[in-house]
Amino acid sequence: MTEKRLNNSIFLMYLVSENYKKAHHLSNLEFLALNRKYSILNFIADCPDIFDSMSSDEMVAEIDDYVSAN
């Protein structure tokens, strides 16, 4: 993975997690508990291209779909 792609993945992990926490009124600790259970940040890191062109609402919906499928 190139440094640019790694930086983009990290930024998207931050952006998606912040949008998700805001949409569901979650604290950092609550989000981290969900992440431990569902590996949300790994999911984002594995497919950053999917999230790169999404709106905030679409990002949240994608994570909701991922969590409900697992």
Protein backbone atom coordinates (compact mmCIF):
# COMPACT_ATOMS: atom_id res chain seq x y z
CA MET A 1 0.00 0.00 0.00
CA THR A 2 1.38 3.38 -0.96
CA GLU A 3 1.68 6.14 1.59
CA LYS A 4 -0.98 8.17 -0.23
CA ARG A 5 -3.45 5.26 -0.15
CA LEU A 6 -2.68 4.62 3.51
CA ASN A 7 -3.28 8.27 4.38
CA ASN A 8 -6.54 8.22 2.42
CA SER A 9 -7.66 5.07 4.25
CA ILE A 10 -6.87 6.60 7.63
CA PHE A 11 -8.75 9.77 6.75
CA LEU A 12 -11.77 7.78 5.58
CA MET A 13 -11.71 5.67 8.75
CA TYR A 14 -11.84 8.90 10.75
CA LEU A 15 -14.51 10.50 8.57
CA VAL A 16 -16.81 7.48 8.47
CA SER A 17 -16.48 6.81 12.20
CA GLU A 18 -17.23 10.44 13.07
CA ASN A 19 -20.28 10.47 10.77
CA TYR A 20 -21.49 7.19 12.27
CA LYS A 21 -21.03 8.39 15.85
CA LYS A 22 -22.88 11.61 15.09
CA ALA A 23 -25.76 9.88 13.30
CA HIS A 24 -26.28 7.40 16.13
CA HIS A 25 -25.36 9.71 19.02
CA LEU A 26 -22.52 7.42 20.12
CA SER A 27 -19.63 8.29 22.38
CA ASN A 28 -16.10 7.30 21.44
CA LEU A 29 -16.28 4.38 23.88
CA GLU A 30 -19.59 3.17 22.44
CA PHE A 31 -18.19 3.29 18.92
CA LEU A 32 -15.04 1.46 19.99
CA ALA A 33 -17.18 -1.28 21.54
CA LEU A 34 -19.03 -1.66 18.22
CA ASN A 35 -15.73 -1.68 16.40
CA ARG A 36 -14.39 -4.47 18.61
CA LYS A 37 -17.51 -6.51 17.90
CA TYR A 38 -17.83 -5.85 14.14
CA SER A 39 -14.35 -4.65 13.02
CA ILE A 40 -15.85 -1.57 11.42
CA LEU A 41 -12.52 0.21 10.95
CA ASN A 42 -11.04 -2.85 9.25
CA PHE A 43 -14.03 -2.94 6.91
CA ILE A 44 -13.43 0.70 5.99
CA ALA A 45 -9.70 0.12 5.53
CA ASP A 46 -10.33 -2.93 3.34
CA CYS A 47 -12.50 -1.03 0.87
CA PRO A 48 -11.74 2.70 1.09
CA ASP A 49 -12.65 3.25 -2.57
CA ILE A 50 -16.28 2.50 -1.74
CA PHE A 51 -16.41 5.27 0.86
CA ASP A 52 -14.36 7.77 -1.10
CA SER A 53 -17.29 9.02 -3.18
CA MET A 54 -20.11 8.65 -0.64
CA SER A 55 -22.01 11.35 1.18
CA SER A 56 -22.13 11.30 4.98
CA ASP A 57 -25.57 9.68 4.97
CA GLU A 58 -24.43 7.01 2.50
CA MET A 59 -21.42 6.23 4.67
CA VAL A 60 -23.63 5.73 7.71
CA ALA A 61 -26.03 3.55 5.72
CA GLU A 62 -23.13 1.41 4.44
CA ILE A 63 -21.89 0.81 8.00
CA ASP A 64 -25.45 0.07 9.17
CA ASP A 65 -25.77 -2.52 6.40
CA TYR A 66 -22.39 -4.02 7.30
CA VAL A 67 -23.21 -4.25 11.01
CA SER A 68 -26.66 -5.73 10.41
CA ALA A 69 -25.16 -8.37 8.07
CA ASN A 70 -22.68 -9.46 10.73
